Amino acid sequence: MKYFEDVQVGETMRFGRYEVTREEIVEYARQFDPQPFHLDEEAGRQSLFGGLVASGWHTGAMFIRMICDGMIPDNATAGAKGFDDLRWIKPVRPGDVLSVESVVREKVEGRRPDLGTVKVESRISNQRGEVVMSLVSLVLYRRRPAAASRIGGQIDQPGRIRSEPGATTPGAG
């Protein structure tokens, strides 16, 4: 598990593969963003997009899906404080295959001793390598637990662990 202390400014992560379908674009638009160029191919052709395109918010939802599948399982994240500099750069179309590249830009100590904030700049690209969306995420990371809490005891003197009832101390027994 990667904790706040393990995150390095400048580290780059590449992950995700999300294939966008026409049906998904229309379904999302019907429910959340019912603008003509998201709902109908002919209306899309008549728009400045020249065809059916995914909602920018839908692109954001696909990004979060890739984050949940590709990054969160190995990281001690605890949610996010929000996003900065969100940009929809190119339209996302049926048949596009999206992926993510994220770079850690900054680490900020939290007010709470158990959390820190990591600023992560992400670019979502299509199969041609064109960036379709970019943003900076303010991700909350948990701090590494103290050694004593990982083995079920508490430190009562420097270097000495006092076991709690039912806890197991390494090397005991």
Protein backbone atom coordinates (compact mmCIF):
# COMPACT_ATOMS: atom_id res chain seq x y z
CA MET A 1 0.00 0.00 0.00
CA LYS A 2 1.32 3.44 -0.93
CA TYR A 3 0.87 6.06 1.81
CA PHE A 4 1.42 9.84 1.78
CA GLU A 5 5.04 9.34 2.86
CA ASP A 6 5.68 7.02 -0.12
CA VAL A 7 4.42 9.43 -2.79
CA GLN A 8 7.24 11.22 -4.64
CA VAL A 9 6.87 14.59 -6.37
CA GLY A 10 7.52 14.03 -10.07
CA GLU A 11 6.45 10.39 -10.17
CA THR A 12 4.39 9.47 -13.22
CA MET A 13 1.63 6.86 -13.44
CA ARG A 14 0.09 5.58 -16.69
CA PHE A 15 -3.00 3.42 -16.60
CA GLY A 16 -6.48 2.79 -17.88
CA ARG A 17 -8.13 1.65 -21.05
CA TYR A 18 -11.70 2.78 -21.49
CA GLU A 19 -13.52 2.20 -24.78
CA VAL A 20 -16.30 4.70 -25.37
CA THR A 21 -19.51 3.49 -27.03
CA ARG A 22 -22.26 5.38 -28.80
CA GLU A 23 -24.85 3.77 -26.54
CA GLU A 24 -23.04 4.90 -23.39
CA ILE A 25 -22.70 8.49 -24.68
CA VAL A 26 -26.43 8.70 -25.40
CA GLU A 27 -27.45 6.95 -22.15
CA TYR A 28 -25.31 9.29 -20.03
CA ALA A 29 -26.62 12.33 -21.91
CA ARG A 30 -30.26 11.30 -21.50
CA GLN A 31 -29.80 11.11 -17.76
CA PHE A 32 -27.37 13.94 -17.00
CA ASP A 33 -26.61 16.26 -19.95
CA PRO A 34 -29.43 16.12 -22.54
CA GLN A 35 -27.94 18.48 -25.12
CA PRO A 36 -28.65 17.59 -28.77
CA PHE A 37 -25.01 16.92 -29.78
CA HIS A 38 -24.77 14.31 -26.98
CA LEU A 39 -28.07 12.63 -27.87
CA ASP A 40 -28.35 12.52 -31.64
CA GLU A 41 -25.81 11.90 -34.40
CA GLU A 42 -27.51 14.25 -36.89
CA ALA A 43 -27.74 17.04 -34.32
CA GLY A 44 -24.07 16.39 -33.55
CA ARG A 45 -23.19 16.75 -37.24
CA GLN A 46 -25.00 20.11 -37.32
CA SER A 47 -23.10 21.32 -34.23
CA LEU A 48 -19.62 22.79 -33.98
CA PHE A 49 -18.45 19.26 -33.04
CA GLY A 50 -19.37 17.76 -36.41
CA GLY A 51 -20.70 14.55 -34.85
CA LEU A 52 -21.95 12.85 -31.71
CA VAL A 53 -19.73 13.62 -28.71
CA ALA A 54 -19.62 12.63 -25.05
CA SER A 55 -20.48 15.18 -22.40
CA GLY A 56 -17.42 16.64 -20.70
CA TRP A 57 -18.89 15.46 -17.40
CA HIS A 58 -19.18 11.97 -18.87
CA THR A 59 -15.48 12.15 -19.81
CA GLY A 60 -14.82 13.07 -16.18
CA ALA A 61 -16.83 10.06 -15.02
CA MET A 62 -14.82 7.78 -17.33
CA PHE A 63 -11.62 9.29 -15.86
CA ILE A 64 -12.80 8.52 -12.31
CA ARG A 65 -13.63 4.93 -13.36
CA MET A 66 -10.06 4.50 -14.62
CA ILE A 67 -8.72 6.03 -11.37
CA CYS A 68 -10.83 3.61 -9.30
CA ASP A 69 -9.63 0.62 -11.33
CA GLY A 70 -6.02 1.61 -11.98
CA MET A 71 -4.77 3.69 -9.07
CA ILE A 72 -6.89 3.52 -5.93
CA PRO A 73 -6.47 -0.20 -5.15
CA ASP A 74 -2.72 0.22 -4.43
CA ASN A 75 -2.89 3.64 -2.77
CA ALA A 76 -4.04 4.71 0.70
CA THR A 77 -6.35 7.39 -0.64
CA ALA A 78 -9.18 8.82 1.42
CA GLY A 79 -11.12 10.76 -1.21
CA ALA A 80 -10.38 14.12 -2.78
CA LYS A 81 -10.80 17.79 -1.93
CA GLY A 82 -11.68 18.71 -5.50
CA PHE A 83 -10.13 19.64 -8.83
CA ASP A 84 -8.31 22.65 -10.23
CA ASP A 85 -7.84 23.69 -13.85
CA LEU A 86 -10.35 21.26 -15.38
CA ARG A 87 -10.24 21.53 -19.18
CA TRP A 88 -12.12 19.69 -21.89
CA ILE A 89 -9.69 20.01 -24.77
CA LYS A 90 -10.96 17.75 -27.56
CA PRO A 91 -14.31 16.01 -28.03
CA VAL A 92 -14.64 12.37 -27.05
CA ARG A 93 -16.39 10.31 -29.72
CA PRO A 94 -17.81 6.80 -30.05
CA GLY A 95 -14.97 4.34 -30.58
CA ASP A 96 -12.36 6.41 -28.72
CA VAL A 97 -10.19 4.48 -26.29
CA LEU A 98 -9.14 6.62 -23.33
CA SER A 99 -6.19 6.28 -20.97
CA VAL A 100 -4.65 8.36 -18.18
CA GLU A 101 -1.23 9.80 -17.43
CA SER A 102 -0.85 11.39 -13.99
CA VAL A 103 2.12 13.25 -12.52
CA VAL A 104 2.52 14.13 -8.83
CA ARG A 105 3.13 17.90 -8.70
CA GLU A 106 3.09 18.67 -4.97
CA LYS A 107 2.58 17.23 -1.50
CA VAL A 108 0.98 19.31 1.23
CA GLU A 109 0.98 18.32 4.91
CA GLY A 110 -2.56 18.10 6.25
CA ARG A 111 -4.04 19.82 9.27
CA ARG A 112 -4.97 16.38 10.50
CA PRO A 113 -1.99 14.25 11.51
CA ASP A 114 -3.37 11.22 9.66
CA LEU A 115 -3.82 12.88 6.23
CA GLY A 116 -1.90 14.78 3.57
CA THR A 117 -2.92 16.24 0.21
CA VAL A 118 -1.23 15.24 -3.04
CA LYS A 119 -1.70 17.46 -6.09
CA VAL A 120 -1.82 15.25 -9.16
CA GLU A 121 -1.91 16.64 -12.70
CA SER A 122 -3.71 14.27 -15.06
CA ARG A 123 -4.14 14.13 -18.81
CA ILE A 124 -6.75 11.88 -20.38
CA SER A 125 -5.82 10.92 -23.94
CA ASN A 126 -7.49 9.06 -26.77
CA GLN A 127 -6.00 6.22 -28.83
CA ARG A 128 -4.20 8.73 -31.07
CA GLY A 129 -2.39 10.27 -28.09
CA GLU A 130 -4.49 13.44 -28.27
CA VAL A 131 -5.25 14.96 -24.88
CA VAL A 132 -9.03 15.21 -24.50
CA MET A 133 -9.19 16.42 -20.88
CA SER A 134 -6.78 17.71 -18.24
CA LEU A 135 -7.12 18.58 -14.57
CA VAL A 136 -5.31 18.80 -11.25
CA SER A 137 -6.74 16.55 -8.53
CA LEU A 138 -6.35 17.36 -4.84
CA VAL A 139 -6.14 13.81 -3.49
CA LEU A 140 -6.27 13.00 0.23
CA TYR A 141 -3.75 10.32 1.24
CA ARG A 142 -3.64 8.56 4.59
CA ARG A 143 -0.39 8.76 6.53
CA ARG A 144 1.52 5.55 7.25
CA PRO A 145 0.25 4.00 10.50
CA ALA A 146 2.68 3.82 13.41
CA ALA A 147 4.56 0.50 13.69
CA ALA A 148 2.84 -0.35 16.94
CA SER A 149 -0.63 -0.06 15.43
CA ARG A 150 0.33 -2.46 12.61
CA ILE A 151 1.07 -5.25 15.10
CA GLY A 152 -1.71 -4.61 17.60
CA GLY A 153 0.23 -3.05 20.47
CA GLN A 154 1.09 0.32 21.92
CA ILE A 155 4.47 1.75 22.75
CA ASP A 156 4.81 2.32 26.50
CA GLN A 157 8.60 2.92 26.51
CA PRO A 158 10.91 3.74 23.63
CA GLY A 159 11.36 0.55 21.64
CA ARG A 160 9.14 -1.55 23.89
CA ILE A 161 5.67 -2.69 22.82
CA ARG A 162 2.91 -3.31 25.32
CA SER A 163 0.39 -5.84 24.00
CA GLU A 164 -3.30 -5.27 24.21
CA PRO A 165 -5.57 -8.12 25.25
CA GLY A 166 -5.90 -10.52 22.34
CA ALA A 167 -3.06 -8.90 20.36
CA THR A 168 -0.16 -10.90 19.06
CA THR A 169 3.38 -9.65 19.47
CA PRO A 170 5.89 -10.83 16.87
CA GLY A 171 8.27 -13.45 18.29
CA ALA A 172 6.01 -14.21 21.26
CA GLY A 173 4.78 -17.63 21.94
